[in-house]
All heavy atoms as atom14 arrays in JSON, in Angstrom:
{
  "sequence": "RYRYDRERPDSLSSPTVYGLHVDRRGNVWVGPP",
  "atom14_mask": [
    [1, 1, 1, 1, 1, 1, 1, 1, 1, 1, 1, 0, 0, 0],
    [1, 1, 1, 1, 1, 1, 1, 1, 1, 1, 1, 1, 0, 0],
    [1, 1, 1, 1, 1, 1, 1, 1, 1, 1, 1, 0, 0, 0],
    [1, 1, 1, 1, 1, 1, 1, 1, 1, 1, 1, 1, 0, 0],
    [1, 1, 1, 1, 1, 1, 1, 1, 0, 0, 0, 0, 0, 0],
    [1, 1, 1, 1, 1, 1, 1, 1, 1, 1, 1, 0, 0, 0],
    [1, 1, 1, 1, 1, 1, 1, 1, 1, 0, 0, 0, 0, 0],
    [1, 1, 1, 1, 1, 1, 1, 1, 1, 1, 1, 0, 0, 0],
    [1, 1, 1, 1, 1, 1, 1, 0, 0, 0, 0, 0, 0, 0],
    [1, 1, 1, 1, 1, 1, 1, 1, 0, 0, 0, 0, 0, 0],
    [1, 1, 1, 1, 1, 1, 0, 0, 0, 0, 0, 0, 0, 0],
    [1, 1, 1, 1, 1, 1, 1, 1, 0, 0, 0, 0, 0, 0],
    [1, 1, 1, 1, 1, 1, 0, 0, 0, 0, 0, 0, 0, 0],
    [1, 1, 1, 1, 1, 1, 0, 0, 0, 0, 0, 0, 0, 0],
    [1, 1, 1, 1, 1, 1, 1, 0, 0, 0, 0, 0, 0, 0],
    [1, 1, 1, 1, 1, 1, 1, 0, 0, 0, 0, 0, 0, 0],
    [1, 1, 1, 1, 1, 1, 1, 0, 0, 0, 0, 0, 0, 0],
    [1, 1, 1, 1, 1, 1, 1, 1, 1, 1, 1, 1, 0, 0],
    [1, 1, 1, 1, 0, 0, 0, 0, 0, 0, 0, 0, 0, 0],
    [1, 1, 1, 1, 1, 1, 1, 1, 0, 0, 0, 0, 0, 0],
    [1, 1, 1, 1, 1, 1, 1, 1, 1, 1, 0, 0, 0, 0],
    [1, 1, 1, 1, 1, 1, 1, 0, 0, 0, 0, 0, 0, 0],
    [1, 1, 1, 1, 1, 1, 1, 1, 0, 0, 0, 0, 0, 0],
    [1, 1, 1, 1, 1, 1, 1, 1, 1, 1, 1, 0, 0, 0],
    [1, 1, 1, 1, 1, 1, 1, 1, 1, 1, 1, 0, 0, 0],
    [1, 1, 1, 1, 0, 0, 0, 0, 0, 0, 0, 0, 0, 0],
    [1, 1, 1, 1, 1, 1, 1, 1, 0, 0, 0, 0, 0, 0],
    [1, 1, 1, 1, 1, 1, 1, 0, 0, 0, 0, 0, 0, 0],
    [1, 1, 1, 1, 1, 1, 1, 1, 1, 1, 1, 1, 1, 1],
    [1, 1, 1, 1, 1, 1, 1, 0, 0, 0, 0, 0, 0, 0],
    [1, 1, 1, 1, 0, 0, 0, 0, 0, 0, 0, 0, 0, 0],
    [1, 1, 1, 1, 1, 1, 1, 0, 0, 0, 0, 0, 0, 0],
    [1, 1, 1, 1, 1, 1, 1, 0, 0, 0, 0, 0, 0, 0]
  ],
  "atom14_positions": [
    [[-58.61, 33.69, -16.45], [-59.9, 34.07, -15.89], [-59.73, 35.04, -14.73], [-58.81, 34.91, -13.92], [-60.65, 32.84, -15.4], [-61.04, 31.85, -16.48], [-61.76, 30.66, -15.83], [-62.13, 29.65, -16.81], [-62.72, 28.52, -16.48], [-63.0, 28.26, -15.21], [-63.03, 27.63, -17.42], [0.0, 0.0, 0.0], [0.0, 0.0, 0.0], [0.0, 0.0, 0.0]],
    [[-60.66, 35.96, -14.65], [-60.72, 36.91, -13.54], [-62.11, 36.81, -12.93], [-63.11, 36.96, -13.62], [-60.45, 38.33, -14.01], [-59.08, 38.53, -14.62], [-58.88, 38.26, -15.98], [-58.0, 38.96, -13.86], [-57.62, 38.43, -16.55], [-56.75, 39.13, -14.42], [-56.57, 38.87, -15.77], [-55.33, 39.04, -16.34], [0.0, 0.0, 0.0], [0.0, 0.0, 0.0]],
    [[-62.15, 36.62, -11.62], [-63.42, 36.38, -10.95], [-63.6, 37.31, -9.76], [-62.66, 37.96, -9.3], [-63.53, 34.93, -10.48], [-63.45, 33.88, -11.58], [-63.57, 32.5, -10.98], [-63.45, 31.44, -11.96], [-64.46, 30.98, -12.69], [-65.67, 31.5, -12.54], [-64.28, 30.01, -13.56], [0.0, 0.0, 0.0], [0.0, 0.0, 0.0], [0.0, 0.0, 0.0]],
    [[-64.81, 37.36, -9.25], [-65.1, 38.08, -8.02], [-64.67, 37.24, -6.83], [-64.93, 36.04, -6.77], [-66.6, 38.38, -7.93], [-67.05, 38.79, -6.55], [-66.67, 40.02, -6.01], [-67.83, 37.94, -5.78], [-67.08, 40.4, -4.75], [-68.24, 38.31, -4.52], [-67.87, 39.54, -4.0], [-68.26, 39.91, -2.75], [0.0, 0.0, 0.0], [0.0, 0.0, 0.0]],
    [[-63.98, 37.87, -5.89], [-63.55, 37.21, -4.65], [-63.8, 38.18, -3.51], [-63.15, 39.23, -3.43], [-62.07, 36.84, -4.73], [-61.6, 36.02, -3.54], [-62.29, 36.03, -2.49], [-60.53, 35.38, -3.64], [0.0, 0.0, 0.0], [0.0, 0.0, 0.0], [0.0, 0.0, 0.0], [0.0, 0.0, 0.0], [0.0, 0.0, 0.0], [0.0, 0.0, 0.0]],
    [[-64.72, 37.85, -2.64], [-65.08, 38.77, -1.56], [-63.93, 39.05, -0.6], [-63.95, 40.06, 0.12], [-66.28, 38.22, -0.77], [-66.0, 36.94, 0.0], [-67.22, 36.51, 0.79], [-68.34, 36.23, -0.1], [-69.57, 35.97, 0.36], [-69.83, 36.01, 1.65], [-70.53, 35.7, -0.51], [0.0, 0.0, 0.0], [0.0, 0.0, 0.0], [0.0, 0.0, 0.0]],
    [[-62.94, 38.19, -0.58], [-61.78, 38.38, 0.29], [-60.7, 39.23, -0.37], [-59.71, 39.57, 0.28], [-61.19, 37.02, 0.68], [-62.18, 36.09, 1.35], [-62.67, 36.63, 2.68], [-61.9, 37.37, 3.33], [-63.82, 36.32, 3.07], [0.0, 0.0, 0.0], [0.0, 0.0, 0.0], [0.0, 0.0, 0.0], [0.0, 0.0, 0.0], [0.0, 0.0, 0.0]],
    [[-60.86, 39.56, -1.64], [-59.83, 40.3, -2.39], [-60.41, 41.61, -2.9], [-61.19, 41.62, -3.84], [-59.33, 39.47, -3.57], [-58.77, 38.11, -3.18], [-57.42, 38.24, -2.52], [-56.79, 36.95, -2.31], [-55.6, 36.75, -1.79], [-54.87, 37.79, -1.44], [-55.11, 35.54, -1.64], [0.0, 0.0, 0.0], [0.0, 0.0, 0.0], [0.0, 0.0, 0.0]],
    [[-60.03, 42.74, -2.32], [-60.56, 44.02, -2.8], [-60.09, 44.41, -4.19], [-60.64, 45.33, -4.79], [-60.04, 45.02, -1.75], [-58.84, 44.36, -1.16], [-59.13, 42.9, -1.17], [0.0, 0.0, 0.0], [0.0, 0.0, 0.0], [0.0, 0.0, 0.0], [0.0, 0.0, 0.0], [0.0, 0.0, 0.0], [0.0, 0.0, 0.0], [0.0, 0.0, 0.0]],
    [[-59.06, 43.72, -4.71], [-58.6, 44.03, -6.06], [-59.1, 43.01, -7.08], [-58.59, 42.95, -8.2], [-57.08, 44.1, -6.12], [-56.41, 42.78, -5.73], [-57.09, 41.92, -5.15], [-55.21, 42.62, -6.02], [0.0, 0.0, 0.0], [0.0, 0.0, 0.0], [0.0, 0.0, 0.0], [0.0, 0.0, 0.0], [0.0, 0.0, 0.0], [0.0, 0.0, 0.0]],
    [[-60.13, 42.24, -6.7], [-60.77, 41.37, -7.69], [-61.92, 42.13, -8.32], [-62.25, 43.27, -7.94], [-61.29, 40.1, -7.01], [-62.41, 40.38, -6.19], [0.0, 0.0, 0.0], [0.0, 0.0, 0.0], [0.0, 0.0, 0.0], [0.0, 0.0, 0.0], [0.0, 0.0, 0.0], [0.0, 0.0, 0.0], [0.0, 0.0, 0.0], [0.0, 0.0, 0.0]],
    [[-62.55, 41.52, -9.31], [-63.76, 42.11, -9.88], [-64.79, 42.33, -8.79], [-64.89, 41.53, -7.85], [-64.34, 41.2, -10.96], [-63.7, 41.2, -12.34], [-64.32, 40.09, -13.18], [-63.85, 42.54, -13.02], [0.0, 0.0, 0.0], [0.0, 0.0, 0.0], [0.0, 0.0, 0.0], [0.0, 0.0, 0.0], [0.0, 0.0, 0.0], [0.0, 0.0, 0.0]],
    [[-65.58, 43.4, -8.91], [-66.59, 43.67, -7.88], [-67.84, 42.81, -8.05], [-68.73, 42.84, -7.21], [-66.97, 45.15, -7.9], [-67.53, 45.52, -9.15], [0.0, 0.0, 0.0], [0.0, 0.0, 0.0], [0.0, 0.0, 0.0], [0.0, 0.0, 0.0], [0.0, 0.0, 0.0], [0.0, 0.0, 0.0], [0.0, 0.0, 0.0], [0.0, 0.0, 0.0]],
    [[-67.9, 42.05, -9.14], [-69.03, 41.15, -9.38], [-68.61, 40.08, -10.38], [-67.74, 40.33, -11.22], [-70.22, 41.94, -9.95], [-71.24, 41.06, -10.42], [0.0, 0.0, 0.0], [0.0, 0.0, 0.0], [0.0, 0.0, 0.0], [0.0, 0.0, 0.0], [0.0, 0.0, 0.0], [0.0, 0.0, 0.0], [0.0, 0.0, 0.0], [0.0, 0.0, 0.0]],
    [[-69.2, 38.89, -10.31], [-68.86, 37.86, -11.31], [-69.47, 38.13, -12.68], [-69.04, 37.55, -13.67], [-69.45, 36.58, -10.7], [-70.56, 37.06, -9.82], [-70.1, 38.38, -9.27], [0.0, 0.0, 0.0], [0.0, 0.0, 0.0], [0.0, 0.0, 0.0], [0.0, 0.0, 0.0], [0.0, 0.0, 0.0], [0.0, 0.0, 0.0], [0.0, 0.0, 0.0]],
    [[-70.45, 39.01, -12.76], [-71.14, 39.29, -14.0], [-70.55, 40.52, -14.68], [-70.34, 41.55, -14.04], [-72.64, 39.52, -13.77], [-73.2, 38.38, -13.12], [-73.37, 39.75, -15.08], [0.0, 0.0, 0.0], [0.0, 0.0, 0.0], [0.0, 0.0, 0.0], [0.0, 0.0, 0.0], [0.0, 0.0, 0.0], [0.0, 0.0, 0.0], [0.0, 0.0, 0.0]],
    [[-70.3, 40.42, -15.98], [-69.75, 41.53, -16.75], [-70.72, 41.88, -17.87], [-70.99, 41.06, -18.74], [-68.36, 41.18, -17.33], [-67.85, 42.31, -18.21], [-67.37, 40.89, -16.21], [0.0, 0.0, 0.0], [0.0, 0.0, 0.0], [0.0, 0.0, 0.0], [0.0, 0.0, 0.0], [0.0, 0.0, 0.0], [0.0, 0.0, 0.0], [0.0, 0.0, 0.0]],
    [[-71.24, 43.11, -17.84], [-72.17, 43.58, -18.86], [-71.47, 44.28, -20.02], [-71.84, 44.13, -21.18], [-73.17, 44.56, -18.27], [-74.15, 43.98, -17.29], [-74.6, 44.73, -16.19], [-74.66, 42.7, -17.45], [-75.52, 44.21, -15.3], [-75.57, 42.16, -16.55], [-76.0, 42.93, -15.47], [-76.9, 42.43, -14.58], [0.0, 0.0, 0.0], [0.0, 0.0, 0.0]],
    [[-70.46, 45.1, -19.69], [-69.82, 45.93, -20.71], [-68.32, 45.96, -20.57], [-67.77, 45.76, -19.48], [0.0, 0.0, 0.0], [0.0, 0.0, 0.0], [0.0, 0.0, 0.0], [0.0, 0.0, 0.0], [0.0, 0.0, 0.0], [0.0, 0.0, 0.0], [0.0, 0.0, 0.0], [0.0, 0.0, 0.0], [0.0, 0.0, 0.0], [0.0, 0.0, 0.0]],
    [[-67.63, 46.24, -21.69], [-66.18, 46.37, -21.72], [-65.81, 47.52, -22.65], [-66.49, 47.76, -23.65], [-65.52, 45.07, -22.22], [-65.59, 43.86, -21.3], [-65.17, 42.6, -22.05], [-64.69, 44.07, -20.07], [0.0, 0.0, 0.0], [0.0, 0.0, 0.0], [0.0, 0.0, 0.0], [0.0, 0.0, 0.0], [0.0, 0.0, 0.0], [0.0, 0.0, 0.0]],
    [[-64.71, 48.19, -22.33], [-64.26, 49.31, -23.16], [-62.77, 49.51, -22.95], [-62.26, 49.37, -21.84], [-65.01, 50.59, -22.81], [-64.5, 51.8, -23.53], [-64.64, 51.98, -24.89], [-63.8, 52.89, -23.06], [-64.08, 53.14, -25.24], [-63.57, 53.7, -24.16], [0.0, 0.0, 0.0], [0.0, 0.0, 0.0], [0.0, 0.0, 0.0], [0.0, 0.0, 0.0]],
    [[-62.06, 49.85, -24.04], [-60.64, 50.2, -23.96], [-60.51, 51.65, -24.4], [-60.92, 52.01, -25.51], [-59.78, 49.29, -24.86], [-58.32, 49.74, -24.84], [-59.89, 47.84, -24.39], [0.0, 0.0, 0.0], [0.0, 0.0, 0.0], [0.0, 0.0, 0.0], [0.0, 0.0, 0.0], [0.0, 0.0, 0.0], [0.0, 0.0, 0.0], [0.0, 0.0, 0.0]],
    [[-59.94, 52.51, -23.53], [-59.83, 53.91, -23.88], [-58.56, 54.19, -24.69], [-57.79, 53.28, -25.01], [-59.91, 54.8, -22.62], [-58.73, 54.57, -21.66], [-57.67, 54.08, -22.09], [-58.89, 54.9, -20.47], [0.0, 0.0, 0.0], [0.0, 0.0, 0.0], [0.0, 0.0, 0.0], [0.0, 0.0, 0.0], [0.0, 0.0, 0.0], [0.0, 0.0, 0.0]],
    [[-58.32, 55.45, -25.01], [-57.2, 55.84, -25.87], [-55.86, 55.51, -25.22], [-54.87, 55.29, -25.92], [-57.27, 57.34, -26.17], [-58.4, 57.72, -27.1], [-58.62, 59.23, -27.12], [-57.41, 59.95, -27.49], [-57.09, 60.28, -28.74], [-57.89, 59.93, -29.73], [-56.0, 60.97, -29.0], [0.0, 0.0, 0.0], [0.0, 0.0, 0.0], [0.0, 0.0, 0.0]],
    [[-55.81, 55.48, -23.91], [-54.57, 55.18, -23.2], [-54.35, 53.67, -23.01], [-53.35, 53.26, -22.45], [-54.55, 55.88, -21.85], [-54.53, 57.4, -21.96], [-54.47, 58.04, -20.57], [-54.3, 59.49, -20.65], [-55.3, 60.35, -20.75], [-56.57, 59.9, -20.79], [-55.08, 61.65, -20.82], [0.0, 0.0, 0.0], [0.0, 0.0, 0.0], [0.0, 0.0, 0.0]],
    [[-55.31, 52.88, -23.45], [-55.18, 51.43, -23.34], [-55.77, 50.85, -22.07], [-55.64, 49.65, -21.83], [0.0, 0.0, 0.0], [0.0, 0.0, 0.0], [0.0, 0.0, 0.0], [0.0, 0.0, 0.0], [0.0, 0.0, 0.0], [0.0, 0.0, 0.0], [0.0, 0.0, 0.0], [0.0, 0.0, 0.0], [0.0, 0.0, 0.0], [0.0, 0.0, 0.0]],
    [[-56.42, 51.68, -21.25], [-57.05, 51.16, -20.03], [-58.26, 50.31, -20.38], [-59.07, 50.68, -21.25], [-57.49, 52.32, -19.13], [-56.33, 53.13, -18.6], [-55.38, 52.59, -18.04], [-56.39, 54.44, -18.78], [0.0, 0.0, 0.0], [0.0, 0.0, 0.0], [0.0, 0.0, 0.0], [0.0, 0.0, 0.0], [0.0, 0.0, 0.0], [0.0, 0.0, 0.0]],
    [[-58.39, 49.18, -19.7], [-59.53, 48.3, -19.89], [-60.55, 48.58, -18.79], [-60.26, 48.39, -17.61], [-59.11, 46.82, -19.86], [-60.33, 45.91, -20.02], [-58.09, 46.53, -20.96], [0.0, 0.0, 0.0], [0.0, 0.0, 0.0], [0.0, 0.0, 0.0], [0.0, 0.0, 0.0], [0.0, 0.0, 0.0], [0.0, 0.0, 0.0], [0.0, 0.0, 0.0]],
    [[-61.73, 49.06, -19.19], [-62.8, 49.37, -18.27], [-63.85, 48.26, -18.31], [-64.2, 47.78, -19.38], [-63.44, 50.72, -18.61], [-62.48, 51.86, -18.46], [-61.66, 52.38, -19.43], [-62.21, 52.61, -17.28], [-60.91, 53.41, -18.92], [-61.22, 53.57, -17.6], [-62.71, 52.57, -15.98], [-60.73, 54.48, -16.66], [-62.22, 53.47, -15.04], [-61.25, 54.41, -15.39]],
    [[-64.32, 47.88, -17.13], [-65.23, 46.75, -17.01], [-66.54, 47.24, -16.39], [-66.53, 48.02, -15.43], [-64.63, 45.63, -16.14], [-65.54, 44.41, -16.12], [-63.24, 45.26, -16.64], [0.0, 0.0, 0.0], [0.0, 0.0, 0.0], [0.0, 0.0, 0.0], [0.0, 0.0, 0.0], [0.0, 0.0, 0.0], [0.0, 0.0, 0.0], [0.0, 0.0, 0.0]],
    [[-67.66, 46.79, -16.95], [-68.97, 47.19, -16.47], [-69.74, 46.05, -15.84], [-70.45, 45.33, -16.54], [0.0, 0.0, 0.0], [0.0, 0.0, 0.0], [0.0, 0.0, 0.0], [0.0, 0.0, 0.0], [0.0, 0.0, 0.0], [0.0, 0.0, 0.0], [0.0, 0.0, 0.0], [0.0, 0.0, 0.0], [0.0, 0.0, 0.0], [0.0, 0.0, 0.0]],
    [[-69.65, 45.87, -14.53], [-70.48, 44.89, -13.84], [-71.72, 45.57, -13.22], [-71.85, 46.8, -13.31], [-69.54, 44.37, -12.74], [-68.67, 45.56, -12.43], [-68.59, 46.4, -13.68], [0.0, 0.0, 0.0], [0.0, 0.0, 0.0], [0.0, 0.0, 0.0], [0.0, 0.0, 0.0], [0.0, 0.0, 0.0], [0.0, 0.0, 0.0], [0.0, 0.0, 0.0]],
    [[-72.61, 44.83, -12.58], [-73.78, 45.46, -11.95], [-73.44, 46.14, -10.63], [-74.35, 46.65, -9.97], [-74.73, 44.27, -11.73], [-73.84, 43.09, -11.66], [-72.69, 43.37, -12.58], [0.0, 0.0, 0.0], [0.0, 0.0, 0.0], [0.0, 0.0, 0.0], [0.0, 0.0, 0.0], [0.0, 0.0, 0.0], [0.0, 0.0, 0.0], [0.0, 0.0, 0.0]]
  ]
}
């Protein structure tokens, strides 16, 4: 699990995830609000 943590700048920026995408290079992009 990956969650939002206000004390961690490298955590998710929000607990809610609307969208996901993997590009040609294999990067995982996350769409929160």
